[in-house]
Amino acid sequence: MLIITPTFALPEDQLDERFVRASGPGGQHVNKVATAVELRFSVPASALPGEVKSRLTALAGRRISAEGVILIDSREHRSQTDNREAARERLAALIARAFRRPRPRKATKPSRVSRERRLDAKGLRARVKARRGRVRGNEG
């Protein structure tokens, strides 16, 4: 079980892990051992509530495919277990963020002082620009 919140955990069968060889330096070891982890999580097939699924789809950005599968790639550690744990933590953090409802925005009006300050700044800028112009030299 992957624990997301104190009241929600994902079953292991909803996570698909693939182990691949990591790229980059490392010599003989990196060419033999599949330490990088690709963690796949299908949002439509998951047990998440509907509103969480929609927020998760929006939060995932470019990590989500057209089919709704989130792909998290972890290759920052040298060991497979550390990469596996890092990928799971990143997925859990992403889903936990989707569980939080965004606060509704309260409409506010600018104060009288801030409106006056803005208009003063606009007037000052207008005067600076009005002084600019073609420099007339001595014609002769």
C-alpha atoms as a PDB file:
ATOM      1  CA  MET A   1       0.000   0.000   0.000  1.00  0.00           C
ATOM      2  CA  LEU A   2       1.184   3.503  -0.896  1.00  0.00           C
ATOM      3  CA  ILE A   3      -0.069   5.860   1.826  1.00  0.00           C
ATOM      4  CA  ILE A   4      -1.261   9.185   0.393  1.00  0.00           C
ATOM      5  CA  THR A   5      -3.186  10.775   3.270  1.00  0.00           C
ATOM      6  CA  PRO A   6      -4.051   9.453   6.745  1.00  0.00           C
ATOM      7  CA  THR A   7      -7.406   8.301   5.334  1.00  0.00           C
ATOM      8  CA  PHE A   8      -6.409   7.131   1.839  1.00  0.00           C
ATOM      9  CA  ALA A   9      -3.869   4.625   0.510  1.00  0.00           C
ATOM     10  CA  LEU A  10      -3.329   3.209  -2.980  1.00  0.00           C
ATOM     11  CA  PRO A  11      -3.213  -0.569  -3.436  1.00  0.00           C
ATOM     12  CA  GLU A  12       0.015  -1.970  -4.928  1.00  0.00           C
ATOM     13  CA  ASP A  13      -1.808  -3.417  -7.960  1.00  0.00           C
ATOM     14  CA  GLN A  14      -2.590   0.120  -9.227  1.00  0.00           C
ATOM     15  CA  LEU A  15       1.135   0.911  -9.575  1.00  0.00           C
ATOM     16  CA  ASP A  16       3.183  -0.377 -12.506  1.00  0.00           C
ATOM     17  CA  GLU A  17       6.955  -0.239 -12.047  1.00  0.00           C
ATOM     18  CA  ARG A  18       9.485  -0.874 -14.769  1.00  0.00           C
ATOM     19  CA  PHE A  19      13.196  -0.997 -14.156  1.00  0.00           C
ATOM     20  CA  VAL A  20      15.507   0.256 -16.899  1.00  0.00           C
ATOM     21  CA  ARG A  21      19.192   0.967 -17.239  1.00  0.00           C
ATOM     22  CA  ALA A  22      20.118   4.463 -16.176  1.00  0.00           C
ATOM     23  CA  SER A  23      21.950   6.691 -18.635  1.00  0.00           C
ATOM     24  CA  GLY A  24      25.056   8.706 -17.948  1.00  0.00           C
ATOM     25  CA  PRO A  25      28.401   7.944 -16.310  1.00  0.00           C
ATOM     26  CA  GLY A  26      28.980   4.929 -14.110  1.00  0.00           C
ATOM     27  CA  GLY A  27      31.260   2.539 -15.967  1.00  0.00           C
ATOM     28  CA  GLN A  28      30.623  -1.193 -15.927  1.00  0.00           C
ATOM     29  CA  HIS A  29      28.001  -1.041 -13.194  1.00  0.00           C
ATOM     30  CA  VAL A  30      25.606   1.239 -15.096  1.00  0.00           C
ATOM     31  CA  ASN A  31      25.740  -1.020 -18.169  1.00  0.00           C
ATOM     32  CA  LYS A  32      24.791  -4.152 -16.203  1.00  0.00           C
ATOM     33  CA  VAL A  33      22.184  -3.083 -13.649  1.00  0.00           C
ATOM     34  CA  ALA A  34      18.685  -1.678 -14.226  1.00  0.00           C
ATOM     35  CA  THR A  35      18.585   0.923 -11.442  1.00  0.00           C
ATOM     36  CA  ALA A  36      16.329   3.575 -12.981  1.00  0.00           C
ATOM     37  CA  VAL A  37      12.612   3.287 -12.239  1.00  0.00           C
ATOM     38  CA  GLU A  38       9.637   4.217 -14.428  1.00  0.00           C
ATOM     39  CA  LEU A  39       6.538   4.335 -12.240  1.00  0.00           C
ATOM     40  CA  ARG A  40       3.224   4.332 -14.129  1.00  0.00           C
ATOM     41  CA  PHE A  41      -0.123   5.156 -12.557  1.00  0.00           C
ATOM     42  CA  SER A  42      -3.395   5.072 -14.494  1.00  0.00           C
ATOM     43  CA  VAL A  43      -5.659   7.860 -13.247  1.00  0.00           C
ATOM     44  CA  PRO A  44      -8.910   6.671 -14.936  1.00  0.00           C
ATOM     45  CA  ALA A  45      -8.505   3.115 -13.588  1.00  0.00           C
ATOM     46  CA  SER A  46      -7.623   4.250 -10.060  1.00  0.00           C
ATOM     47  CA  ALA A  47      -9.796   4.240  -6.940  1.00  0.00           C
ATOM     48  CA  LEU A  48      -9.467   8.013  -6.484  1.00  0.00           C
ATOM     49  CA  PRO A  49     -12.581  10.197  -6.089  1.00  0.00           C
ATOM     50  CA  GLY A  50     -13.716  11.984  -9.274  1.00  0.00           C
ATOM     51  CA  GLU A  51     -12.791  15.535  -8.234  1.00  0.00           C
ATOM     52  CA  VAL A  52      -9.321  14.351  -7.140  1.00  0.00           C
ATOM     53  CA  LYS A  53      -8.832  12.659 -10.530  1.00  0.00           C
ATOM     54  CA  SER A  54      -9.598  15.887 -12.375  1.00  0.00           C
ATOM     55  CA  ARG A  55      -7.266  17.946 -10.146  1.00  0.00           C
ATOM     56  CA  LEU A  56      -4.546  15.295 -10.490  1.00  0.00           C
ATOM     57  CA  THR A  57      -4.839  15.367 -14.282  1.00  0.00           C
ATOM     58  CA  ALA A  58      -4.376  19.150 -14.231  1.00  0.00           C
ATOM     59  CA  LEU A  59      -1.466  19.005 -11.751  1.00  0.00           C
ATOM     60  CA  ALA A  60       0.406  16.251 -13.619  1.00  0.00           C
ATOM     61  CA  GLY A  61       1.071  18.515 -16.614  1.00  0.00           C
ATOM     62  CA  ARG A  62       3.446  16.936 -19.131  1.00  0.00           C
ATOM     63  CA  ARG A  63       3.908  13.806 -16.989  1.00  0.00           C
ATOM     64  CA  ILE A  64       0.467  12.490 -18.011  1.00  0.00           C
ATOM     65  CA  SER A  65      -0.259  10.757 -21.328  1.00  0.00           C
ATOM     66  CA  ALA A  66      -3.359  11.109 -23.495  1.00  0.00           C
ATOM     67  CA  GLU A  67      -4.684   7.862 -21.959  1.00  0.00           C
ATOM     68  CA  GLY A  68      -4.427   9.373 -18.459  1.00  0.00           C
ATOM     69  CA  VAL A  69      -1.327   7.448 -17.342  1.00  0.00           C
ATOM     70  CA  ILE A  70       1.108   9.375 -15.152  1.00  0.00           C
ATOM     71  CA  LEU A  71       4.764   8.487 -15.740  1.00  0.00           C
ATOM     72  CA  ILE A  72       7.280   9.295 -13.026  1.00  0.00           C
ATOM     73  CA  ASP A  73      10.904   8.574 -13.855  1.00  0.00           C
ATOM     74  CA  SER A  74      13.519   8.323 -11.112  1.00  0.00           C
ATOM     75  CA  ARG A  75      17.209   7.815 -11.819  1.00  0.00           C
ATOM     76  CA  GLU A  76      18.911  10.159  -9.360  1.00  0.00           C
ATOM     77  CA  HIS A  77      20.158   7.410  -6.999  1.00  0.00           C
ATOM     78  CA  ARG A  78      22.604   4.592  -7.687  1.00  0.00           C
ATOM     79  CA  SER A  79      20.408   1.882  -6.178  1.00  0.00           C
ATOM     80  CA  GLN A  80      17.151   0.529  -7.522  1.00  0.00           C
ATOM     81  CA  THR A  81      15.474   0.567  -4.103  1.00  0.00           C
ATOM     82  CA  ASP A  82      16.325   4.246  -3.531  1.00  0.00           C
ATOM     83  CA  ASN A  83      15.018   5.186  -6.996  1.00  0.00           C
ATOM     84  CA  ARG A  84      11.866   3.125  -6.404  1.00  0.00           C
ATOM     85  CA  GLU A  85      11.252   4.881  -3.081  1.00  0.00           C
ATOM     86  CA  ALA A  86      11.905   8.320  -4.622  1.00  0.00           C
ATOM     87  CA  ALA A  87       9.434   7.683  -7.455  1.00  0.00           C
ATOM     88  CA  ARG A  88       6.759   6.484  -5.030  1.00  0.00           C
ATOM     89  CA  GLU A  89       7.284   9.530  -2.792  1.00  0.00           C
ATOM     90  CA  ARG A  90       6.930  11.886  -5.773  1.00  0.00           C
ATOM     91  CA  LEU A  91       3.706  10.167  -6.870  1.00  0.00           C
ATOM     92  CA  ALA A  92       2.320  10.265  -3.309  1.00  0.00           C
ATOM     93  CA  ALA A  93       3.165  13.989  -3.019  1.00  0.00           C
ATOM     94  CA  LEU A  94       1.468  14.714  -6.353  1.00  0.00           C
ATOM     95  CA  ILE A  95      -1.699  12.832  -5.370  1.00  0.00           C
ATOM     96  CA  ALA A  96      -1.688  14.456  -1.918  1.00  0.00           C
ATOM     97  CA  ARG A  97      -1.624  17.884  -3.603  1.00  0.00           C
ATOM     98  CA  ALA A  98      -4.626  16.819  -5.711  1.00  0.00           C
ATOM     99  CA  PHE A  99      -6.534  15.900  -2.530  1.00  0.00           C
ATOM    100  CA  ARG A 100      -6.305  19.497  -1.268  1.00  0.00           C
ATOM    101  CA  ARG A 101      -9.201  21.623  -2.461  1.00  0.00           C
ATOM    102  CA  PRO A 102      -8.105  25.043  -3.716  1.00  0.00           C
ATOM    103  CA  ARG A 103      -9.434  27.913  -1.639  1.00  0.00           C
ATOM    104  CA  PRO A 104     -12.089  29.930  -3.440  1.00  0.00           C
ATOM    105  CA  ARG A 105     -10.843  33.360  -4.450  1.00  0.00           C
ATOM    106  CA  LYS A 106     -12.502  36.261  -2.671  1.00  0.00           C
ATOM    107  CA  ALA A 107     -13.142  39.250  -4.908  1.00  0.00           C
ATOM    108  CA  THR A 108     -11.571  42.409  -3.495  1.00  0.00           C
ATOM    109  CA  LYS A 109     -11.482  46.026  -4.547  1.00  0.00           C
ATOM    110  CA  PRO A 110      -8.377  48.197  -4.500  1.00  0.00           C
ATOM    111  CA  SER A 111      -8.339  50.744  -1.689  1.00  0.00           C
ATOM    112  CA  ARG A 112      -8.779  54.452  -2.372  1.00  0.00           C
ATOM    113  CA  VAL A 113      -5.149  55.158  -1.443  1.00  0.00           C
ATOM    114  CA  SER A 114      -3.815  52.452  -3.760  1.00  0.00           C
ATOM    115  CA  ARG A 115      -5.955  53.792  -6.642  1.00  0.00           C
ATOM    116  CA  GLU A 116      -4.599  57.321  -6.036  1.00  0.00           C
ATOM    117  CA  ARG A 117      -1.028  55.982  -5.848  1.00  0.00           C
ATOM    118  CA  ARG A 118      -1.494  54.177  -9.167  1.00  0.00           C
ATOM    119  CA  LEU A 119      -2.930  57.287 -10.847  1.00  0.00           C
ATOM    120  CA  ASP A 120      -0.078  59.447  -9.493  1.00  0.00           C
ATOM    121  CA  ALA A 121       2.459  56.999 -10.911  1.00  0.00           C
ATOM    122  CA  LYS A 122       0.659  56.996 -14.262  1.00  0.00           C
ATOM    123  CA  GLY A 123       0.653  60.803 -14.329  1.00  0.00           C
ATOM    124  CA  LEU A 124       4.357  60.952 -13.507  1.00  0.00           C
ATOM    125  CA  ARG A 125       5.148  58.443 -16.254  1.00  0.00           C
ATOM    126  CA  ALA A 126       2.987  60.430 -18.725  1.00  0.00           C
ATOM    127  CA  ARG A 127       4.882  63.653 -17.907  1.00  0.00           C
ATOM    128  CA  VAL A 128       8.247  61.903 -18.397  1.00  0.00           C
ATOM    129  CA  LYS A 129       7.146  60.601 -21.781  1.00  0.00           C
ATOM    130  CA  ALA A 130       5.603  63.948 -22.795  1.00  0.00           C
ATOM    131  CA  ARG A 131       8.980  65.655 -22.292  1.00  0.00           C
ATOM    132  CA  ARG A 132      10.571  63.313 -24.776  1.00  0.00           C
ATOM    133  CA  GLY A 133      10.590  64.330 -28.372  1.00  0.00           C
ATOM    134  CA  ARG A 134      12.696  65.442 -31.241  1.00  0.00           C
ATOM    135  CA  VAL A 135      15.703  67.465 -30.258  1.00  0.00           C
ATOM    136  CA  ARG A 136      15.810  70.628 -32.362  1.00  0.00           C
ATOM    137  CA  GLY A 137      19.286  71.854 -33.070  1.00  0.00           C
ATOM    138  CA  ASN A 138      20.502  75.096 -34.602  1.00  0.00           C
ATOM    139  CA  GLU A 139      19.389  75.072 -38.160  1.00  0.00           C
ATOM    140  CA  GLY A 140      21.729  77.038 -40.190  1.00  0.00           C
END
